[in-house]
């Protein structure tokens, strides 16, 4: 049996690997046995999406499950060409390639309109939102302190005009800026100030859990993470924090079993699993998780650092397993080395 799922995307947007894994997981729960599953999208396909498909197919082959294929719009139009009566039914006198070309031109016109009439777009935002956006753009290495200064200026000059949404954004961005500077304590308190302003916001809830993690309050982190995971079961950062805050005696196997399969290839979740695997002495498993983190976020330095640490741990473990020589064995080797050295010296003298 063949199954398919359609994912409508703009032609310039790509399909996220996490979205692919989520759809595949849903298909795995289909009551009838599937042989092949196609994900059909109008968006472009990134290298990370293709890699996710390869990883899923490797896992499925080992488990005897269905194959997964990604259908781009080009592949869909080629398929339609094989069935003219269906193509005619949907597109009338236009060929599917012509429809795609019209769609691209319409998107270009929409973009042009957005550029020609920026005032109409800007009117949807308040002046305060624009000031917060200006600060947010500075939240990156080397400029985080500028972001903090700009956000404090908004608080000082616009304090009487701020609503809860503005305050939430300011505290959240202050937390992010402080975190980049390595000021975990300050970041945590900013996140905690933001949390009650948007109690049902996934970002606010996630950052509240992160705050307690930064403050090293393990029990509170666990409690908050468990409650947050129940509310937002597909939130990967919450899942990562739940793994990181688990009790040290919690077996790695239990943590893995509690982690949904479609989340295990997310960079943050894979990194958390890698650390717990290595803590349990499962170095090779840790390396595999670290590789998954790098594959999901190739530009994330932390993932590459973790992979390097995992390989280093493998070397250290290998050295520890080398059997030390007994005293008499050491003496025999030294004697042999001395005799060999002596013979060599005489040979050179004889010449």
C-alpha atoms as a PDB file:
ATOM      1  CA  UNK A   1       0.000   0.000   0.000  1.00  0.00           C
ATOM      2  CA  UNK A   2       1.205   3.512  -0.873  1.00  0.00           C
ATOM      3  CA  UNK A   3       0.468   6.626   1.190  1.00  0.00           C
ATOM      4  CA  UNK A   4       1.129  10.334   0.687  1.00  0.00           C
ATOM      5  CA  UNK A   5       1.081  13.600   2.630  1.00  0.00           C
ATOM      6  CA  UNK A   6       0.943  17.056   1.012  1.00  0.00           C
ATOM      7  CA  UNK A   7       2.870  19.966   2.555  1.00  0.00           C
ATOM      8  CA  UNK A   8       2.044  23.332   1.003  1.00  0.00           C
ATOM      9  CA  UNK A   9       5.011  25.706   1.146  1.00  0.00           C
ATOM     10  CA  UNK A  10       6.121  28.859  -0.640  1.00  0.00           C
ATOM     11  CA  UNK A  11       8.558  28.036  -3.441  1.00  0.00           C
ATOM     12  CA  UNK A  12      11.357  29.836  -1.564  1.00  0.00           C
ATOM     13  CA  UNK A  13      10.740  28.014   1.733  1.00  0.00           C
ATOM     14  CA  UNK A  14      12.134  24.590   2.521  1.00  0.00           C
ATOM     15  CA  UNK A  15      10.631  21.669   4.414  1.00  0.00           C
ATOM     16  CA  UNK A  16      12.032  21.394   7.933  1.00  0.00           C
ATOM     17  CA  UNK A  17      13.557  17.997   8.898  1.00  0.00           C
ATOM     18  CA  UNK A  18      11.574  18.022  12.152  1.00  0.00           C
ATOM     19  CA  UNK A  19       8.355  18.399  10.138  1.00  0.00           C
ATOM     20  CA  UNK A  20       9.352  15.433   7.958  1.00  0.00           C
ATOM     21  CA  UNK A  21      10.023  13.227  11.004  1.00  0.00           C
ATOM     22  CA  UNK A  22       6.717  14.259  12.548  1.00  0.00           C
ATOM     23  CA  UNK A  23       4.763  13.249   9.413  1.00  0.00           C
ATOM     24  CA  UNK A  24       6.636   9.938   9.163  1.00  0.00           C
ATOM     25  CA  UNK A  25       5.871   9.173  12.800  1.00  0.00           C
ATOM     26  CA  UNK A  26       2.168   9.747  12.096  1.00  0.00           C
ATOM     27  CA  UNK A  27       2.374   7.382   9.128  1.00  0.00           C
ATOM     28  CA  UNK A  28       4.030   4.741  11.327  1.00  0.00           C
ATOM     29  CA  UNK A  29       0.832   4.695  13.376  1.00  0.00           C
ATOM     30  CA  UNK A  30      -1.387   4.053  10.321  1.00  0.00           C
ATOM     31  CA  UNK A  31      -3.532   0.954  10.982  1.00  0.00           C
ATOM     32  CA  UNK A  32      -2.819  -0.649   7.578  1.00  0.00           C
ATOM     33  CA  UNK A  33       0.702  -1.703   6.564  1.00  0.00           C
ATOM     34  CA  UNK A  34       2.357   0.838   4.282  1.00  0.00           C
ATOM     35  CA  UNK A  35       4.989  -0.142   1.709  1.00  0.00           C
ATOM     36  CA  UNK A  36       5.854   3.350   0.482  1.00  0.00           C
ATOM     37  CA  UNK A  37       5.159   6.825   1.866  1.00  0.00           C
ATOM     38  CA  UNK A  38       5.542  10.023  -0.168  1.00  0.00           C
ATOM     39  CA  UNK A  39       5.809  13.532   1.254  1.00  0.00           C
ATOM     40  CA  UNK A  40       4.769  15.941  -1.497  1.00  0.00           C
ATOM     41  CA  UNK A  41       5.749  19.597  -1.181  1.00  0.00           C
ATOM     42  CA  UNK A  42       5.589  22.765  -3.248  1.00  0.00           C
ATOM     43  CA  UNK A  43       8.610  24.157  -1.368  1.00  0.00           C
ATOM     44  CA  UNK A  44      12.275  23.657  -2.136  1.00  0.00           C
ATOM     45  CA  UNK A  45      14.203  20.750  -0.644  1.00  0.00           C
ATOM     46  CA  UNK A  46      17.271  21.435   1.477  1.00  0.00           C
ATOM     47  CA  UNK A  47      20.265  19.185   2.038  1.00  0.00           C
ATOM     48  CA  UNK A  48      19.216  18.648   5.669  1.00  0.00           C
ATOM     49  CA  UNK A  49      15.776  17.484   4.509  1.00  0.00           C
ATOM     50  CA  UNK A  50      17.334  14.960   2.127  1.00  0.00           C
ATOM     51  CA  UNK A  51      19.641  13.767   4.919  1.00  0.00           C
ATOM     52  CA  UNK A  52      16.652  13.309   7.225  1.00  0.00           C
ATOM     53  CA  UNK A  53      14.964  11.144   4.576  1.00  0.00           C
ATOM     54  CA  UNK A  54      18.127   9.013   4.252  1.00  0.00           C
ATOM     55  CA  UNK A  55      18.341   8.532   8.023  1.00  0.00           C
ATOM     56  CA  UNK A  56      14.664   7.584   8.235  1.00  0.00           C
ATOM     57  CA  UNK A  57      15.002   5.062   5.390  1.00  0.00           C
ATOM     58  CA  UNK A  58      18.070   3.484   7.018  1.00  0.00           C
ATOM     59  CA  UNK A  59      16.138   3.062  10.265  1.00  0.00           C
ATOM     60  CA  UNK A  60      13.057   1.768   8.438  1.00  0.00           C
ATOM     61  CA  UNK A  61      15.057  -0.795   6.436  1.00  0.00           C
ATOM     62  CA  UNK A  62      16.501  -2.169   9.661  1.00  0.00           C
ATOM     63  CA  UNK A  63      13.025  -2.322  11.226  1.00  0.00           C
ATOM     64  CA  UNK A  64      11.264  -3.677   8.129  1.00  0.00           C
ATOM     65  CA  UNK A  65       9.128  -0.547   7.733  1.00  0.00           C
ATOM     66  CA  UNK A  66       8.028   1.400   4.646  1.00  0.00           C
ATOM     67  CA  UNK A  67      10.298   3.533   2.461  1.00  0.00           C
ATOM     68  CA  UNK A  68       9.932   7.314   2.443  1.00  0.00           C
ATOM     69  CA  UNK A  69      10.307   9.555  -0.608  1.00  0.00           C
ATOM     70  CA  UNK A  70      10.286  13.326  -0.978  1.00  0.00           C
ATOM     71  CA  UNK A  71       8.324  14.636  -3.974  1.00  0.00           C
ATOM     72  CA  UNK A  72       9.283  18.148  -5.082  1.00  0.00           C
ATOM     73  CA  UNK A  73       7.058  20.183  -7.376  1.00  0.00           C
ATOM     74  CA  UNK A  74       9.231  19.243 -10.370  1.00  0.00           C
ATOM     75  CA  UNK A  75       8.728  15.557  -9.633  1.00  0.00           C
ATOM     76  CA  UNK A  76       4.989  16.096  -9.145  1.00  0.00           C
ATOM     77  CA  UNK A  77       4.614  17.838 -12.528  1.00  0.00           C
ATOM     78  CA  UNK A  78       6.521  15.043 -14.258  1.00  0.00           C
ATOM     79  CA  UNK A  79       4.154  12.553 -12.666  1.00  0.00           C
ATOM     80  CA  UNK A  80       1.143  14.573 -13.802  1.00  0.00           C
ATOM     81  CA  UNK A  81       2.448  14.568 -17.391  1.00  0.00           C
ATOM     82  CA  UNK A  82       2.006  10.787 -17.389  1.00  0.00           C
ATOM     83  CA  UNK A  83      -1.762  11.233 -16.800  1.00  0.00           C
ATOM     84  CA  UNK A  84      -3.035  13.937 -19.261  1.00  0.00           C
ATOM     85  CA  UNK A  85      -6.688  13.481 -18.237  1.00  0.00           C
ATOM     86  CA  UNK A  86      -5.862  14.392 -14.616  1.00  0.00           C
ATOM     87  CA  UNK A  87      -3.646  17.284 -15.679  1.00  0.00           C
ATOM     88  CA  UNK A  88      -6.476  18.610 -17.872  1.00  0.00           C
ATOM     89  CA  UNK A  89      -8.971  18.234 -15.027  1.00  0.00           C
ATOM     90  CA  UNK A  90      -6.923  20.384 -12.662  1.00  0.00           C
ATOM     91  CA  UNK A  91      -5.263  22.868 -15.002  1.00  0.00           C
ATOM     92  CA  UNK A  92      -7.633  23.181 -17.963  1.00  0.00           C
ATOM     93  CA  UNK A  93      -5.755  24.445 -21.020  1.00  0.00           C
ATOM     94  CA  UNK A  94      -2.550  25.177 -19.095  1.00  0.00           C
ATOM     95  CA  UNK A  95       0.203  22.648 -18.666  1.00  0.00           C
ATOM     96  CA  UNK A  96       1.407  22.027 -15.105  1.00  0.00           C
ATOM     97  CA  UNK A  97       4.778  23.642 -15.932  1.00  0.00           C
ATOM     98  CA  UNK A  98       2.984  26.783 -17.090  1.00  0.00           C
ATOM     99  CA  UNK A  99       0.951  26.864 -13.885  1.00  0.00           C
ATOM    100  CA  UNK A 100       4.180  26.670 -11.886  1.00  0.00           C
ATOM    101  CA  UNK A 101       5.629  29.562 -13.905  1.00  0.00           C
ATOM    102  CA  UNK A 102       2.508  31.683 -13.288  1.00  0.00           C
ATOM    103  CA  UNK A 103       2.720  30.881  -9.569  1.00  0.00           C
ATOM    104  CA  UNK A 104       6.358  32.032  -9.427  1.00  0.00           C
ATOM    105  CA  UNK A 105       5.503  35.267 -11.243  1.00  0.00           C
ATOM    106  CA  UNK A 106       2.616  35.932  -8.858  1.00  0.00           C
ATOM    107  CA  UNK A 107       4.948  35.488  -5.906  1.00  0.00           C
ATOM    108  CA  UNK A 108       7.397  37.919  -7.518  1.00  0.00           C
ATOM    109  CA  UNK A 109       4.584  40.465  -7.957  1.00  0.00           C
ATOM    110  CA  UNK A 110       3.568  40.054  -4.322  1.00  0.00           C
ATOM    111  CA  UNK A 111       7.166  40.640  -3.233  1.00  0.00           C
ATOM    112  CA  UNK A 112       7.376  43.734  -5.431  1.00  0.00           C
ATOM    113  CA  UNK A 113       4.174  45.123  -3.928  1.00  0.00           C
ATOM    114  CA  UNK A 114       5.614  44.586  -0.447  1.00  0.00           C
ATOM    115  CA  UNK A 115       8.727  46.562  -1.431  1.00  0.00           C
ATOM    116  CA  UNK A 116       6.813  49.368  -3.176  1.00  0.00           C
ATOM    117  CA  UNK A 117       4.451  49.899  -0.257  1.00  0.00           C
ATOM    118  CA  UNK A 118       6.571  49.515   2.913  1.00  0.00           C
ATOM    119  CA  UNK A 119       4.453  52.061   4.749  1.00  0.00           C
ATOM    120  CA  UNK A 120       1.428  49.772   4.626  1.00  0.00           C
ATOM    121  CA  UNK A 121       3.421  46.930   6.150  1.00  0.00           C
ATOM    122  CA  UNK A 122       5.043  49.117   8.779  1.00  0.00           C
ATOM    123  CA  UNK A 123       1.683  50.458   9.891  1.00  0.00           C
ATOM    124  CA  UNK A 124       0.855  47.052  11.352  1.00  0.00           C
ATOM    125  CA  UNK A 125       3.678  47.513  13.847  1.00  0.00           C
ATOM    126  CA  UNK A 126       3.903  50.013  16.623  1.00  0.00           C
ATOM    127  CA  UNK A 127       6.893  52.254  17.185  1.00  0.00           C
ATOM    128  CA  UNK A 128       7.726  50.239  20.306  1.00  0.00           C
ATOM    129  CA  UNK A 129       7.758  46.969  18.347  1.00  0.00           C
ATOM    130  CA  UNK A 130      10.124  48.555  15.848  1.00  0.00           C
ATOM    131  CA  UNK A 131      12.478  49.647  18.647  1.00  0.00           C
ATOM    132  CA  UNK A 132      12.450  46.136  20.127  1.00  0.00           C
ATOM    133  CA  UNK A 133      13.121  44.674  16.661  1.00  0.00           C
ATOM    134  CA  UNK A 134      16.093  47.016  16.293  1.00  0.00           C
ATOM    135  CA  UNK A 135      17.533  45.700  19.552  1.00  0.00           C
ATOM    136  CA  UNK A 136      16.801  42.073  18.643  1.00  0.00           C
ATOM    137  CA  UNK A 137      18.884  42.404  15.468  1.00  0.00           C
ATOM    138  CA  UNK A 138      21.895  43.068  17.699  1.00  0.00           C
ATOM    139  CA  UNK A 139      21.584  39.829  19.660  1.00  0.00           C
ATOM    140  CA  UNK A 140      24.667  38.145  18.269  1.00  0.00           C
ATOM    141  CA  UNK A 141      28.281  37.705  19.390  1.00  0.00           C
ATOM    142  CA  UNK A 142      30.074  41.031  19.715  1.00  0.00           C
ATOM    143  CA  UNK A 143      26.877  43.113  19.717  1.00  0.00           C
ATOM    144  CA  UNK A 144      24.812  41.643  22.549  1.00  0.00           C
ATOM    145  CA  UNK A 145      25.681  44.489  24.926  1.00  0.00           C
ATOM    146  CA  UNK A 146      24.346  46.996  22.376  1.00  0.00           C
ATOM    147  CA  UNK A 147      21.079  45.042  22.327  1.00  0.00           C
ATOM    148  CA  UNK A 148      20.858  45.231  26.136  1.00  0.00           C
ATOM    149  CA  UNK A 149      21.475  48.983  26.067  1.00  0.00           C
ATOM    150  CA  UNK A 150      18.774  49.521  23.417  1.00  0.00           C
ATOM    151  CA  UNK A 151      16.242  47.411  25.334  1.00  0.00           C
ATOM    152  CA  UNK A 152      16.913  49.311  28.551  1.00  0.00           C
ATOM    153  CA  UNK A 153      16.414  52.547  26.614  1.00  0.00           C
ATOM    154  CA  UNK A 154      12.993  51.340  25.460  1.00  0.00           C
ATOM    155  CA  UNK A 155      12.094  50.562  29.083  1.00  0.00           C
ATOM    156  CA  UNK A 156      13.254  53.990  30.202  1.00  0.00           C
ATOM    157  CA  UNK A 157      11.700  56.112  27.445  1.00  0.00           C
ATOM    158  CA  UNK A 158       8.515  54.116  26.739  1.00  0.00           C
ATOM    159  CA  UNK A 159       7.804  52.600  30.142  1.00  0.00           C
ATOM    160  CA  UNK A 160       4.355  54.131  30.480  1.00  0.00           C
ATOM    161  CA  UNK A 161       3.266  52.910  27.032  1.00  0.00           C
ATOM    162  CA  UNK A 162       4.384  49.288  27.343  1.00  0.00           C
ATOM    163  CA  UNK A 163       1.766  46.530  27.370  1.00  0.00           C
ATOM    164  CA  UNK A 164       2.322  42.935  28.543  1.00  0.00           C
ATOM    165  CA  UNK A 165       3.330  41.814  25.050  1.00  0.00           C
ATOM    166  CA  UNK A 166       6.011  44.518  24.833  1.00  0.00           C
ATOM    167  CA  UNK A 167       7.312  43.653  28.297  1.00  0.00           C
ATOM    168  CA  UNK A 168       7.412  39.953  27.397  1.00  0.00           C
ATOM    169  CA  UNK A 169       9.450  40.710  24.285  1.00  0.00           C
ATOM    170  CA  UNK A 170      11.841  42.996  26.156  1.00  0.00           C
ATOM    171  CA  UNK A 171      12.523  40.503  28.973  1.00  0.00           C
ATOM    172  CA  UNK A 172      12.858  37.587  26.532  1.00  0.00           C
ATOM    173  CA  UNK A 173      15.371  39.457  24.381  1.00  0.00           C
ATOM    174  CA  UNK A 174      17.281  40.657  27.450  1.00  0.00           C
ATOM    175  CA  UNK A 175      17.557  37.018  28.492  1.00  0.00           C
ATOM    176  CA  UNK A 176      18.833  35.971  25.060  1.00  0.00           C
ATOM    177  CA  UNK A 177      21.380  38.819  24.959  1.00  0.00           C
ATOM    178  CA  UNK A 178      22.710  38.021  28.428  1.00  0.00           C
ATOM    179  CA  UNK A 179      22.928  34.333  27.543  1.00  0.00           C
ATOM    180  CA  UNK A 180      25.139  35.122  24.536  1.00  0.00           C
ATOM    181  CA  UNK A 181      27.432  37.054  26.873  1.00  0.00           C
ATOM    182  CA  UNK A 182      27.677  34.082  29.184  1.00  0.00           C
ATOM    183  CA  UNK A 183      25.702  35.784  31.968  1.00  0.00           C
ATOM    184  CA  UNK A 184      23.513  32.844  32.899  1.00  0.00           C
ATOM    185  CA  UNK A 185      22.200  34.301  36.159  1.00  0.00           C
ATOM    186  CA  UNK A 186      21.066  37.571  34.536  1.00  0.00           C
ATOM    187  CA  UNK A 187      19.544  35.666  31.599  1.00  0.00           C
ATOM    188  CA  UNK A 188      17.608  33.393  33.966  1.00  0.00           C
ATOM    189  CA  UNK A 189      16.056  36.285  35.880  1.00  0.00           C
ATOM    190  CA  UNK A 190      15.001  37.995  32.645  1.00  0.00           C
ATOM    191  CA  UNK A 191      13.325  34.792  31.435  1.00  0.00           C
ATOM    192  CA  UNK A 192      11.540  34.434  34.787  1.00  0.00           C
ATOM    193  CA  UNK A 193      10.316  38.042  34.541  1.00  0.00           C
ATOM    194  CA  UNK A 194       8.895  37.261  31.083  1.00  0.00           C
ATOM    195  CA  UNK A 195       7.151  33.976  31.971  1.00  0.00           C
ATOM    196  CA  UNK A 196       4.063  35.288  33.874  1.00  0.00           C
ATOM    197  CA  UNK A 197       3.358  37.839  31.128  1.00  0.00           C
ATOM    198  CA  UNK A 198       2.584  35.055  28.589  1.00  0.00           C
ATOM    199  CA  UNK A 199       1.792  31.934  30.659  1.00  0.00           C
ATOM    200  CA  UNK A 200       0.451  30.000  27.639  1.00  0.00           C
ATOM    201  CA  UNK A 201       3.219  30.971  25.237  1.00  0.00           C
ATOM    202  CA  UNK A 202       5.483  28.036  24.298  1.00  0.00           C
ATOM    203  CA  UNK A 203       8.552  30.270  24.144  1.00  0.00           C
ATOM    204  CA  UNK A 204       7.809  31.753  27.559  1.00  0.00           C
ATOM    205  CA  UNK A 205       7.268  28.328  29.124  1.00  0.00           C
ATOM    206  CA  UNK A 206      10.429  26.946  27.498  1.00  0.00           C
ATOM    207  CA  UNK A 207      12.538  29.855  28.702  1.00  0.00           C
ATOM    208  CA  UNK A 208      11.151  29.465  32.224  1.00  0.00           C
ATOM    209  CA  UNK A 209      12.441  25.862  32.267  1.00  0.00           C
ATOM    210  CA  UNK A 210      15.765  27.075  30.844  1.00  0.00           C
ATOM    211  CA  UNK A 211      15.956  29.708  33.587  1.00  0.00           C
ATOM    212  CA  UNK A 212      15.826  27.140  36.385  1.00  0.00           C
ATOM    213  CA  UNK A 213      18.364  25.031  34.487  1.00  0.00           C
ATOM    214  CA  UNK A 214      20.724  28.025  34.342  1.00  0.00           C
ATOM    215  CA  UNK A 215      20.207  28.630  38.081  1.00  0.00           C
ATOM    216  CA  UNK A 216      21.198  24.969  38.711  1.00  0.00           C
ATOM    217  CA  UNK A 217      17.892  24.232  40.439  1.00  0.00           C
ATOM    218  CA  UNK A 218      17.695  20.642  39.222  1.00  0.00           C
ATOM    219  CA  UNK A 219      14.518  19.510  40.968  1.00  0.00           C
ATOM    220  CA  UNK A 220      12.557  22.588  39.898  1.00  0.00           C
ATOM    221  CA  UNK A 221      13.919  22.212  36.360  1.00  0.00           C
ATOM    222  CA  UNK A 222      12.708  18.600  36.254  1.00  0.00           C
ATOM    223  CA  UNK A 223       9.272  19.487  37.586  1.00  0.00           C
ATOM    224  CA  UNK A 224       8.854  22.403  35.197  1.00  0.00           C
ATOM    225  CA  UNK A 225      10.204  20.423  32.229  1.00  0.00           C
ATOM    226  CA  UNK A 226       7.828  17.501  32.846  1.00  0.00           C
ATOM    227  CA  UNK A 227       4.828  19.829  33.064  1.00  0.00           C
ATOM    228  CA  UNK A 228       5.958  21.771  29.976  1.00  0.00           C
ATOM    229  CA  UNK A 229       6.515  18.576  27.945  1.00  0.00           C
ATOM    230  CA  UNK A 230       2.965  17.487  28.752  1.00  0.00           C
ATOM    231  CA  UNK A 231       1.636  20.825  27.452  1.00  0.00           C
ATOM    232  CA  UNK A 232       3.950  21.072  24.436  1.00  0.00           C
ATOM    233  CA  UNK A 233       4.855  17.472  23.486  1.00  0.00           C
ATOM    234  CA  UNK A 234       6.556  18.494  20.221  1.00  0.00           C
ATOM    235  CA  UNK A 235       8.775  21.215  21.739  1.00  0.00           C
ATOM    236  CA  UNK A 236      12.313  19.954  21.168  1.00  0.00           C
ATOM    237  CA  UNK A 237      14.083  22.408  23.499  1.00  0.00           C
ATOM    238  CA  UNK A 238      11.798  21.405  26.361  1.00  0.00           C
ATOM    239  CA  UNK A 239      12.582  17.748  25.615  1.00  0.00           C
ATOM    240  CA  UNK A 240      16.298  18.555  25.609  1.00  0.00           C
ATOM    241  CA  UNK A 241      16.042  20.262  29.013  1.00  0.00           C
ATOM    242  CA  UNK A 242      14.030  17.327  30.353  1.00  0.00           C
ATOM    243  CA  UNK A 243      16.850  14.955  29.367  1.00  0.00           C
ATOM    244  CA  UNK A 244      19.569  17.227  30.742  1.00  0.00           C
ATOM    245  CA  UNK A 245      17.836  17.662  34.096  1.00  0.00           C
ATOM    246  CA  UNK A 246      17.058  13.970  34.610  1.00  0.00           C
ATOM    247  CA  UNK A 247      18.510  12.419  37.754  1.00  0.00           C
ATOM    248  CA  UNK A 248      22.029  11.048  37.324  1.00  0.00           C
ATOM    249  CA  UNK A 249      20.876   7.561  38.240  1.00  0.00           C
ATOM    250  CA  UNK A 250      18.261   7.557  35.445  1.00  0.00           C
ATOM    251  CA  UNK A 251      19.434   4.962  32.877  1.00  0.00           C
ATOM    252  CA  UNK A 252      20.242   6.230  29.412  1.00  0.00           C
ATOM    253  CA  UNK A 253      17.964   3.545  27.953  1.00  0.00           C
ATOM    254  CA  UNK A 254      14.994   4.988  29.854  1.00  0.00           C
ATOM    255  CA  UNK A 255      15.731   8.512  28.611  1.00  0.00           C
ATOM    256  CA  UNK A 256      15.972   7.251  25.029  1.00  0.00           C
ATOM    257  CA  UNK A 257      12.750   5.260  25.324  1.00  0.00           C
ATOM    258  CA  UNK A 258      10.906   8.325  26.657  1.00  0.00           C
ATOM    259  CA  UNK A 259      12.102  10.462  23.723  1.00  0.00           C
ATOM    260  CA  UNK A 260       9.808  10.295  20.643  1.00  0.00           C
ATOM    261  CA  UNK A 261      11.689   8.989  17.628  1.00  0.00           C
ATOM    262  CA  UNK A 262      10.992  12.055  15.500  1.00  0.00           C
ATOM    263  CA  UNK A 263      12.756  14.207  18.115  1.00  0.00           C
ATOM    264  CA  UNK A 264      15.935  12.139  18.413  1.00  0.00           C
ATOM    265  CA  UNK A 265      17.482  13.721  15.330  1.00  0.00           C
ATOM    266  CA  UNK A 266      16.879  17.297  16.496  1.00  0.00           C
ATOM    267  CA  UNK A 267      20.221  18.969  17.258  1.00  0.00           C
ATOM    268  CA  UNK A 268      19.441  19.966  20.849  1.00  0.00           C
ATOM    269  CA  UNK A 269      17.750  16.681  21.746  1.00  0.00           C
ATOM    270  CA  UNK A 270      20.499  14.635  20.080  1.00  0.00           C
ATOM    271  CA  UNK A 271      23.140  16.648  21.978  1.00  0.00           C
ATOM    272  CA  UNK A 272      21.408  15.993  25.303  1.00  0.00           C
ATOM    273  CA  UNK A 273      21.157  12.259  24.515  1.00  0.00           C
ATOM    274  CA  UNK A 274      24.831  12.206  23.471  1.00  0.00           C
ATOM    275  CA  UNK A 275      25.933  13.638  26.819  1.00  0.00           C
ATOM    276  CA  UNK A 276      23.831  11.194  28.806  1.00  0.00           C
ATOM    277  CA  UNK A 277      25.081   8.261  26.712  1.00  0.00           C
ATOM    278  CA  UNK A 278      28.703   9.245  27.336  1.00  0.00           C
ATOM    279  CA  UNK A 279      28.001   9.681  31.055  1.00  0.00           C
ATOM    280  CA  UNK A 280      26.815   6.072  31.002  1.00  0.00           C
ATOM    281  CA  UNK A 281      30.034   4.985  29.264  1.00  0.00           C
ATOM    282  CA  UNK A 282      28.256   4.405  25.923  1.00  0.00           C
ATOM    283  CA  UNK A 283      30.823   6.317  23.870  1.00  0.00           C
ATOM    284  CA  UNK A 284      29.898   4.910  20.450  1.00  0.00           C
ATOM    285  CA  UNK A 285      26.220   5.684  21.073  1.00  0.00           C
ATOM    286  CA  UNK A 286      27.214   9.191  22.139  1.00  0.00           C
ATOM    287  CA  UNK A 287      29.149   9.653  18.910  1.00  0.00           C
ATOM    288  CA  UNK A 288      26.104   8.618  16.842  1.00  0.00           C
ATOM    289  CA  UNK A 289      23.887  11.129  18.671  1.00  0.00           C
ATOM    290  CA  UNK A 290      26.525  13.851  18.212  1.00  0.00           C
ATOM    291  CA  UNK A 291      26.669  13.102  14.481  1.00  0.00           C
ATOM    292  CA  UNK A 292      22.876  13.477  14.310  1.00  0.00           C
ATOM    293  CA  UNK A 293      23.185  16.888  16.017  1.00  0.00           C
ATOM    294  CA  UNK A 294      25.777  18.027  13.453  1.00  0.00           C
ATOM    295  CA  UNK A 295      23.608  16.751  10.587  1.00  0.00           C
ATOM    296  CA  UNK A 296      20.581  18.691  11.840  1.00  0.00           C
ATOM    297  CA  UNK A 297      22.489  21.946  12.472  1.00  0.00           C
ATOM    298  CA  UNK A 298      25.748  21.881  10.478  1.00  0.00           C
ATOM    299  CA  UNK A 299      26.586  25.480  11.456  1.00  0.00           C
ATOM    300  CA  UNK A 300      26.013  25.022  15.195  1.00  0.00           C
ATOM    301  CA  UNK A 301      29.455  25.138  16.825  1.00  0.00           C
ATOM    302  CA  UNK A 302      28.256  23.365  19.978  1.00  0.00           C
ATOM    303  CA  UNK A 303      27.297  20.273  17.972  1.00  0.00           C
ATOM    304  CA  UNK A 304      30.766  20.063  16.381  1.00  0.00           C
ATOM    305  CA  UNK A 305      32.420  20.583  19.774  1.00  0.00           C
ATOM    306  CA  UNK A 306      30.326  17.795  21.283  1.00  0.00           C
ATOM    307  CA  UNK A 307      31.285  15.431  18.448  1.00  0.00           C
ATOM    308  CA  UNK A 308      34.967  16.241  19.017  1.00  0.00           C
ATOM    309  CA  UNK A 309      34.568  15.571  22.754  1.00  0.00           C
ATOM    310  CA  UNK A 310      32.895  12.239  21.998  1.00  0.00           C
ATOM    311  CA  UNK A 311      35.770  11.150  19.735  1.00  0.00           C
ATOM    312  CA  UNK A 312      38.274  12.266  22.389  1.00  0.00           C
ATOM    313  CA  UNK A 313      36.395  10.196  24.980  1.00  0.00           C
ATOM    314  CA  UNK A 314      36.707   7.189  22.656  1.00  0.00           C
ATOM    315  CA  UNK A 315      40.506   7.636  22.559  1.00  0.00           C
ATOM    316  CA  UNK A 316      40.705   7.981  26.338  1.00  0.00           C
ATOM    317  CA  UNK A 317      38.600   4.853  26.857  1.00  0.00           C
ATOM    318  CA  UNK A 318      40.798   2.921  24.417  1.00  0.00           C
ATOM    319  CA  UNK A 319      43.942   3.924  26.327  1.00  0.00           C
ATOM    320  CA  UNK A 320      42.409   2.831  29.611  1.00  0.00           C
ATOM    321  CA  UNK A 321      41.701  -0.648  28.219  1.00  0.00           C
ATOM    322  CA  UNK A 322      45.380  -1.288  27.330  1.00  0.00           C
ATOM    323  CA  UNK A 323      46.672  -3.985  29.685  1.00  0.00           C
ATOM    324  CA  UNK A 324      49.548  -2.657  31.857  1.00  0.00           C
ATOM    325  CA  UNK A 325      52.768  -4.671  31.831  1.00  0.00           C
ATOM    326  CA  UNK A 326      53.755  -6.648  34.900  1.00  0.00           C
ATOM    327  CA  UNK A 327      57.115  -5.886  36.569  1.00  0.00           C
ATOM    328  CA  UNK A 328      58.864  -8.972  35.149  1.00  0.00           C
ATOM    329  CA  UNK A 329      57.528  -8.215  31.655  1.00  0.00           C
ATOM    330  CA  UNK A 330      58.868  -4.657  31.862  1.00  0.00           C
ATOM    331  CA  UNK A 331      62.288  -6.015  32.943  1.00  0.00           C
ATOM    332  CA  UNK A 332      62.363  -8.500  30.051  1.00  0.00           C
ATOM    333  CA  UNK A 333      61.514  -5.760  27.539  1.00  0.00           C
ATOM    334  CA  UNK A 334      64.202  -3.450  28.940  1.00  0.00           C
ATOM    335  CA  UNK A 335      66.780  -6.266  28.774  1.00  0.00           C
ATOM    336  CA  UNK A 336      65.848  -7.043  25.170  1.00  0.00           C
ATOM    337  CA  UNK A 337      66.046  -3.361  24.255  1.00  0.00           C
ATOM    338  CA  UNK A 338      69.496  -3.032  25.882  1.00  0.00           C
ATOM    339  CA  UNK A 339      70.828  -6.083  24.058  1.00  0.00           C
ATOM    340  CA  UNK A 340      69.488  -4.814  20.762  1.00  0.00           C
ATOM    341  CA  UNK A 341      71.045  -1.429  21.400  1.00  0.00           C
ATOM    342  CA  UNK A 342      74.411  -3.006  22.230  1.00  0.00           C
ATOM    343  CA  UNK A 343      74.502  -5.102  19.073  1.00  0.00           C
ATOM    344  CA  UNK A 344      73.714  -2.096  16.985  1.00  0.00           C
ATOM    345  CA  UNK A 345      76.609  -0.146  18.537  1.00  0.00           C
ATOM    346  CA  UNK A 346      79.128  -2.959  17.837  1.00  0.00           C
ATOM    347  CA  UNK A 347      77.991  -3.246  14.236  1.00  0.00           C
ATOM    348  CA  UNK A 348      78.624   0.445  13.685  1.00  0.00           C
ATOM    349  CA  UNK A 349      82.088   0.141  15.340  1.00  0.00           C
ATOM    350  CA  UNK A 350      83.064  -2.852  13.205  1.00  0.00           C
ATOM    351  CA  UNK A 351      82.472  -0.833  10.090  1.00  0.00           C
END
